[in-house]
Amino acid sequence: MPRKEKVLSYTAIFWPLENGGYMVTMPALAGLVTDGVDFEDALEMAKDAIQGHIEASAALGEPIPWAT
């Protein structure tokens, strides 16, 4: 039987840094901040941070935040 998965989508805000690279925040995931040396790296780091946040929330029995 095929596995059904939910697909969640979050808004990410990329802030250019003075020394190059980007800082990334996700408004729906309070306190979650990451960065990368360029846009592509910052995007991958954001994806990884979101996945880690969701996995940690699930492991702690906390609800998974929905994007607003």
PDB file of N, CA and C in Angstrom:
ATOM      1  N   MET A   1       0.848  -1.179   0.000  1.00  0.00           N
ATOM      2  CA  MET A   1       0.000   0.000   0.000  1.00  0.00           C
ATOM      3  C   MET A   1       0.892   1.240   0.000  1.00  0.00           C
ATOM      4  N   PRO A   2       0.597   2.225  -0.851  1.00  0.00           N
ATOM      5  CA  PRO A   2       1.417   3.447  -0.896  1.00  0.00           C
ATOM      6  C   PRO A   2       1.330   4.213   0.413  1.00  0.00           C
ATOM      7  N   ARG A   3       2.423   4.803   0.771  1.00  0.00           N
ATOM      8  CA  ARG A   3       2.498   5.605   1.996  1.00  0.00           C
ATOM      9  C   ARG A   3       2.011   7.013   1.702  1.00  0.00           C
ATOM     10  N   LYS A   4       1.103   7.505   2.538  1.00  0.00           N
ATOM     11  CA  LYS A   4       0.602   8.872   2.375  1.00  0.00           C
ATOM     12  C   LYS A   4       1.353   9.783   3.327  1.00  0.00           C
ATOM     13  N   GLU A   5       1.833  10.888   2.806  1.00  0.00           N
ATOM     14  CA  GLU A   5       2.557  11.860   3.606  1.00  0.00           C
ATOM     15  C   GLU A   5       1.944  13.241   3.412  1.00  0.00           C
ATOM     16  N   LYS A   6       1.994  14.027   4.482  1.00  0.00           N
ATOM     17  CA  LYS A   6       1.567  15.417   4.386  1.00  0.00           C
ATOM     18  C   LYS A   6       2.728  16.238   3.870  1.00  0.00           C
ATOM     19  N   VAL A   7       2.426  17.198   3.048  1.00  0.00           N
ATOM     20  CA  VAL A   7       3.430  18.133   2.572  1.00  0.00           C
ATOM     21  C   VAL A   7       3.149  19.474   3.227  1.00  0.00           C
ATOM     22  N   LEU A   8       4.131  19.962   3.957  1.00  0.00           N
ATOM     23  CA  LEU A   8       3.991  21.249   4.626  1.00  0.00           C
ATOM     24  C   LEU A   8       4.838  22.278   3.908  1.00  0.00           C
ATOM     25  N   SER A   9       4.378  23.497   3.914  1.00  0.00           N
ATOM     26  CA  SER A   9       5.082  24.583   3.246  1.00  0.00           C
ATOM     27  C   SER A   9       5.224  25.742   4.224  1.00  0.00           C
ATOM     28  N   TYR A  10       6.439  26.269   4.328  1.00  0.00           N
ATOM     29  CA  TYR A  10       6.706  27.374   5.235  1.00  0.00           C
ATOM     30  C   TYR A  10       7.342  28.531   4.479  1.00  0.00           C
ATOM     31  N   THR A  11       6.992  29.742   4.880  1.00  0.00           N
ATOM     32  CA  THR A  11       7.626  30.931   4.332  1.00  0.00           C
ATOM     33  C   THR A  11       8.989  31.095   4.981  1.00  0.00           C
ATOM     34  N   ALA A  12      10.001  31.307   4.158  1.00  0.00           N
ATOM     35  CA  ALA A  12      11.356  31.562   4.654  1.00  0.00           C
ATOM     36  C   ALA A  12      11.766  32.957   4.192  1.00  0.00           C
ATOM     37  N   ILE A  13      12.341  33.731   5.094  1.00  0.00           N
ATOM     38  CA  ILE A  13      12.803  35.066   4.775  1.00  0.00           C
ATOM     39  C   ILE A  13      14.332  35.039   4.759  1.00  0.00           C
ATOM     40  N   PHE A  14      14.913  35.424   3.635  1.00  0.00           N
ATOM     41  CA  PHE A  14      16.362  35.422   3.450  1.00  0.00           C
ATOM     42  C   PHE A  14      16.876  36.848   3.631  1.00  0.00           C
ATOM     43  N   TRP A  15      17.758  37.018   4.590  1.00  0.00           N
ATOM     44  CA  TRP A  15      18.334  38.315   4.914  1.00  0.00           C
ATOM     45  C   TRP A  15      19.785  38.328   4.439  1.00  0.00           C
ATOM     46  N   PRO A  16      20.143  39.190   3.470  1.00  0.00           N
ATOM     47  CA  PRO A  16      21.552  39.261   3.047  1.00  0.00           C
ATOM     48  C   PRO A  16      22.422  39.765   4.197  1.00  0.00           C
ATOM     49  N   LEU A  17      23.571  39.154   4.351  1.00  0.00           N
ATOM     50  CA  LEU A  17      24.509  39.545   5.400  1.00  0.00           C
ATOM     51  C   LEU A  17      25.602  40.440   4.828  1.00  0.00           C
ATOM     52  N   GLU A  18      26.105  41.348   5.636  1.00  0.00           N
ATOM     53  CA  GLU A  18      27.133  42.292   5.183  1.00  0.00           C
ATOM     54  C   GLU A  18      28.396  41.596   4.691  1.00  0.00           C
ATOM     55  N   ASN A  19      28.751  40.484   5.321  1.00  0.00           N
ATOM     56  CA  ASN A  19      29.975  39.778   4.957  1.00  0.00           C
ATOM     57  C   ASN A  19      29.729  38.696   3.899  1.00  0.00           C
ATOM     58  N   GLY A  20      28.562  38.724   3.284  1.00  0.00           N
ATOM     59  CA  GLY A  20      28.193  37.714   2.293  1.00  0.00           C
ATOM     60  C   GLY A  20      27.331  36.637   2.934  1.00  0.00           C
ATOM     61  N   GLY A  21      26.659  35.888   2.109  1.00  0.00           N
ATOM     62  CA  GLY A  21      25.779  34.850   2.620  1.00  0.00           C
ATOM     63  C   GLY A  21      24.425  35.401   3.029  1.00  0.00           C
ATOM     64  N   TYR A  22      23.628  34.528   3.610  1.00  0.00           N
ATOM     65  CA  TYR A  22      22.267  34.879   4.001  1.00  0.00           C
ATOM     66  C   TYR A  22      21.924  34.262   5.340  1.00  0.00           C
ATOM     67  N   MET A  23      21.162  35.007   6.131  1.00  0.00           N
ATOM     68  CA  MET A  23      20.517  34.482   7.321  1.00  0.00           C
ATOM     69  C   MET A  23      19.077  34.173   6.912  1.00  0.00           C
ATOM     70  N   VAL A  24      18.510  33.095   7.456  1.00  0.00           N
ATOM     71  CA  VAL A  24      17.151  32.692   7.095  1.00  0.00           C
ATOM     72  C   VAL A  24      16.321  32.533   8.362  1.00  0.00           C
ATOM     73  N   THR A  25      15.120  33.118   8.354  1.00  0.00           N
ATOM     74  CA  THR A  25      14.164  32.931   9.440  1.00  0.00           C
ATOM     75  C   THR A  25      12.866  32.391   8.859  1.00  0.00           C
ATOM     76  N   MET A  26      12.099  31.683   9.685  1.00  0.00           N
ATOM     77  CA  MET A  26      10.792  31.155   9.299  1.00  0.00           C
ATOM     78  C   MET A  26       9.771  31.643  10.317  1.00  0.00           C
ATOM     79  N   PRO A  27       8.918  32.594   9.955  1.00  0.00           N
ATOM     80  CA  PRO A  27       7.979  33.176  10.918  1.00  0.00           C
ATOM     81  C   PRO A  27       7.090  32.151  11.635  1.00  0.00           C
ATOM     82  N   ALA A  28       6.690  31.085  10.965  1.00  0.00           N
ATOM     83  CA  ALA A  28       5.803  30.098  11.587  1.00  0.00           C
ATOM     84  C   ALA A  28       6.540  29.208  12.584  1.00  0.00           C
ATOM     85  N   LEU A  29       7.871  29.216  12.534  1.00  0.00           N
ATOM     86  CA  LEU A  29       8.673  28.379  13.425  1.00  0.00           C
ATOM     87  C   LEU A  29       9.511  29.297  14.312  1.00  0.00           C
ATOM     88  N   ALA A  30       8.868  29.818  15.338  1.00  0.00           N
ATOM     89  CA  ALA A  30       9.478  30.823  16.210  1.00  0.00           C
ATOM     90  C   ALA A  30      10.849  30.379  16.706  1.00  0.00           C
ATOM     91  N   GLY A  31      11.809  31.267  16.578  1.00  0.00           N
ATOM     92  CA  GLY A  31      13.148  31.009  17.066  1.00  0.00           C
ATOM     93  C   GLY A  31      14.042  30.231  16.124  1.00  0.00           C
ATOM     94  N   LEU A  32      13.508  29.762  15.005  1.00  0.00           N
ATOM     95  CA  LEU A  32      14.312  28.982  14.067  1.00  0.00           C
ATOM     96  C   LEU A  32      15.056  29.926  13.131  1.00  0.00           C
ATOM     97  N   VAL A  33      16.378  29.890  13.221  1.00  0.00           N
ATOM     98  CA  VAL A  33      17.243  30.746  12.417  1.00  0.00           C
ATOM     99  C   VAL A  33      18.390  29.884  11.903  1.00  0.00           C
ATOM    100  N   THR A  34      18.757  30.061  10.650  1.00  0.00           N
ATOM    101  CA  THR A  34      19.907  29.383  10.078  1.00  0.00           C
ATOM    102  C   THR A  34      20.578  30.329   9.097  1.00  0.00           C
ATOM    103  N   ASP A  35      21.671  29.883   8.500  1.00  0.00           N
ATOM    104  CA  ASP A  35      22.342  30.731   7.523  1.00  0.00           C
ATOM    105  C   ASP A  35      23.110  29.877   6.531  1.00  0.00           C
ATOM    106  N   GLY A  36      23.627  30.528   5.499  1.00  0.00           N
ATOM    107  CA  GLY A  36      24.415  29.842   4.494  1.00  0.00           C
ATOM    108  C   GLY A  36      25.374  30.803   3.832  1.00  0.00           C
ATOM    109  N   VAL A  37      26.412  30.249   3.223  1.00  0.00           N
ATOM    110  CA  VAL A  37      27.448  31.082   2.604  1.00  0.00           C
ATOM    111  C   VAL A  37      26.975  31.746   1.317  1.00  0.00           C
ATOM    112  N   ASP A  38      25.927  31.190   0.683  1.00  0.00           N
ATOM    113  CA  ASP A  38      25.297  31.801  -0.486  1.00  0.00           C
ATOM    114  C   ASP A  38      23.823  31.402  -0.470  1.00  0.00           C
ATOM    115  N   PHE A  39      23.041  31.876  -1.447  1.00  0.00           N
ATOM    116  CA  PHE A  39      21.596  31.623  -1.416  1.00  0.00           C
ATOM    117  C   PHE A  39      21.282  30.139  -1.448  1.00  0.00           C
ATOM    118  N   GLU A  40      21.945  29.389  -2.319  1.00  0.00           N
ATOM    119  CA  GLU A  40      21.659  27.961  -2.447  1.00  0.00           C
ATOM    120  C   GLU A  40      21.975  27.216  -1.150  1.00  0.00           C
ATOM    121  N   ASP A  41      23.092  27.556  -0.524  1.00  0.00           N
ATOM    122  CA  ASP A  41      23.460  26.933   0.746  1.00  0.00           C
ATOM    123  C   ASP A  41      22.451  27.301   1.827  1.00  0.00           C
ATOM    124  N   ALA A  42      22.048  28.559   1.876  1.00  0.00           N
ATOM    125  CA  ALA A  42      21.069  29.001   2.868  1.00  0.00           C
ATOM    126  C   ALA A  42      19.737  28.282   2.672  1.00  0.00           C
ATOM    127  N   LEU A  43      19.341  28.061   1.418  1.00  0.00           N
ATOM    128  CA  LEU A  43      18.098  27.338   1.140  1.00  0.00           C
ATOM    129  C   LEU A  43      18.185  25.904   1.646  1.00  0.00           C
ATOM    130  N   GLU A  44      19.294  25.229   1.383  1.00  0.00           N
ATOM    131  CA  GLU A  44      19.464  23.858   1.859  1.00  0.00           C
ATOM    132  C   GLU A  44      19.500  23.802   3.388  1.00  0.00           C
ATOM    133  N   MET A  45      20.168  24.769   4.002  1.00  0.00           N
ATOM    134  CA  MET A  45      20.215  24.821   5.465  1.00  0.00           C
ATOM    135  C   MET A  45      18.817  25.054   6.047  1.00  0.00           C
ATOM    136  N   ALA A  46      18.014  25.893   5.373  1.00  0.00           N
ATOM    137  CA  ALA A  46      16.644  26.152   5.823  1.00  0.00           C
ATOM    138  C   ALA A  46      15.806  24.882   5.750  1.00  0.00           C
ATOM    139  N   LYS A  47      15.922  24.144   4.655  1.00  0.00           N
ATOM    140  CA  LYS A  47      15.183  22.878   4.518  1.00  0.00           C
ATOM    141  C   LYS A  47      15.563  21.913   5.632  1.00  0.00           C
ATOM    142  N   ASP A  48      16.857  21.813   5.905  1.00  0.00           N
ATOM    143  CA  ASP A  48      17.344  20.920   6.951  1.00  0.00           C
ATOM    144  C   ASP A  48      16.848  21.365   8.327  1.00  0.00           C
ATOM    145  N   ALA A  49      16.867  22.669   8.587  1.00  0.00           N
ATOM    146  CA  ALA A  49      16.409  23.197   9.873  1.00  0.00           C
ATOM    147  C   ALA A  49      14.917  22.935  10.075  1.00  0.00           C
ATOM    148  N   ILE A  50      14.128  23.108   9.019  1.00  0.00           N
ATOM    149  CA  ILE A  50      12.684  22.848   9.113  1.00  0.00           C
ATOM    150  C   ILE A  50      12.442  21.376   9.419  1.00  0.00           C
ATOM    151  N   GLN A  51      13.119  20.495   8.701  1.00  0.00           N
ATOM    152  CA  GLN A  51      12.946  19.060   8.928  1.00  0.00           C
ATOM    153  C   GLN A  51      13.333  18.689  10.358  1.00  0.00           C
ATOM    154  N   GLY A  52      14.450  19.219  10.834  1.00  0.00           N
ATOM    155  CA  GLY A  52      14.876  18.942  12.203  1.00  0.00           C
ATOM    156  C   GLY A  52      13.882  19.444  13.230  1.00  0.00           C
ATOM    157  N   HIS A  53      13.324  20.623  12.989  1.00  0.00           N
ATOM    158  CA  HIS A  53      12.328  21.192  13.913  1.00  0.00           C
ATOM    159  C   HIS A  53      11.081  20.313  13.964  1.00  0.00           C
ATOM    160  N   ILE A  54      10.617  19.863  12.807  1.00  0.00           N
ATOM    161  CA  ILE A  54       9.428  19.011  12.749  1.00  0.00           C
ATOM    162  C   ILE A  54       9.692  17.680  13.451  1.00  0.00           C
ATOM    163  N   GLU A  55      10.845  17.075  13.186  1.00  0.00           N
ATOM    164  CA  GLU A  55      11.181  15.796  13.815  1.00  0.00           C
ATOM    165  C   GLU A  55      11.289  15.939  15.333  1.00  0.00           C
ATOM    166  N   ALA A  56      11.896  17.018  15.809  1.00  0.00           N
ATOM    167  CA  ALA A  56      12.018  17.242  17.246  1.00  0.00           C
ATOM    168  C   ALA A  56      10.651  17.467  17.881  1.00  0.00           C
ATOM    169  N   SER A  57       9.793  18.236  17.218  1.00  0.00           N
ATOM    170  CA  SER A  57       8.444  18.469  17.743  1.00  0.00           C
ATOM    171  C   SER A  57       7.687  17.153  17.860  1.00  0.00           C
ATOM    172  N   ALA A  58       7.773  16.324  16.831  1.00  0.00           N
ATOM    173  CA  ALA A  58       7.084  15.031  16.845  1.00  0.00           C
ATOM    174  C   ALA A  58       7.632  14.130  17.951  1.00  0.00           C
ATOM    175  N   ALA A  59       8.945  14.100  18.121  1.00  0.00           N
ATOM    176  CA  ALA A  59       9.564  13.257  19.147  1.00  0.00           C
ATOM    177  C   ALA A  59       9.159  13.681  20.553  1.00  0.00           C
ATOM    178  N   LEU A  60       8.911  14.980  20.722  1.00  0.00           N
ATOM    179  CA  LEU A  60       8.506  15.504  22.031  1.00  0.00           C
ATOM    180  C   LEU A  60       6.988  15.463  22.237  1.00  0.00           C
ATOM    181  N   GLY A  61       6.272  14.981  21.234  1.00  0.00           N
ATOM    182  CA  GLY A  61       4.816  14.924  21.326  1.00  0.00           C
ATOM    183  C   GLY A  61       4.153  16.273  21.176  1.00  0.00           C
ATOM    184  N   GLU A  62       4.880  17.254  20.664  1.00  0.00           N
ATOM    185  CA  GLU A  62       4.329  18.582  20.461  1.00  0.00           C
ATOM    186  C   GLU A  62       3.667  18.668  19.090  1.00  0.00           C
ATOM    187  N   PRO A  63       2.684  19.545  18.930  1.00  0.00           N
ATOM    188  CA  PRO A  63       2.061  19.693  17.613  1.00  0.00           C
ATOM    189  C   PRO A  63       3.037  20.295  16.610  1.00  0.00           C
ATOM    190  N   ILE A  64       2.894  19.878  15.376  1.00  0.00           N
ATOM    191  CA  ILE A  64       3.722  20.436  14.302  1.00  0.00           C
ATOM    192  C   ILE A  64       3.103  21.755  13.865  1.00  0.00           C
ATOM    193  N   PRO A  65       3.884  22.835  13.921  1.00  0.00           N
ATOM    194  CA  PRO A  65       3.334  24.144  13.554  1.00  0.00           C
ATOM    195  C   PRO A  65       2.924  24.204  12.080  1.00  0.00           C
ATOM    196  N   TRP A  66       1.795  24.822  11.824  1.00  0.00           N
ATOM    197  CA  TRP A  66       1.327  25.045  10.459  1.00  0.00           C
ATOM    198  C   TRP A  66       1.697  26.459  10.053  1.00  0.00           C
ATOM    199  N   ALA A  67       2.079  26.622   8.832  1.00  0.00           N
ATOM    200  CA  ALA A  67       2.376  27.954   8.320  1.00  0.00           C
ATOM    201  C   ALA A  67       1.083  28.753   8.260  1.00  0.00           C
ATOM    202  N   THR A  68       1.193  30.053   8.522  1.00  0.00           N
ATOM    203  CA  THR A  68      -0.007  30.892   8.479  1.00  0.00           C
ATOM    204  C   THR A  68       0.032  31.782   7.260  1.00  0.00           C
TER     205      THR A  68
END
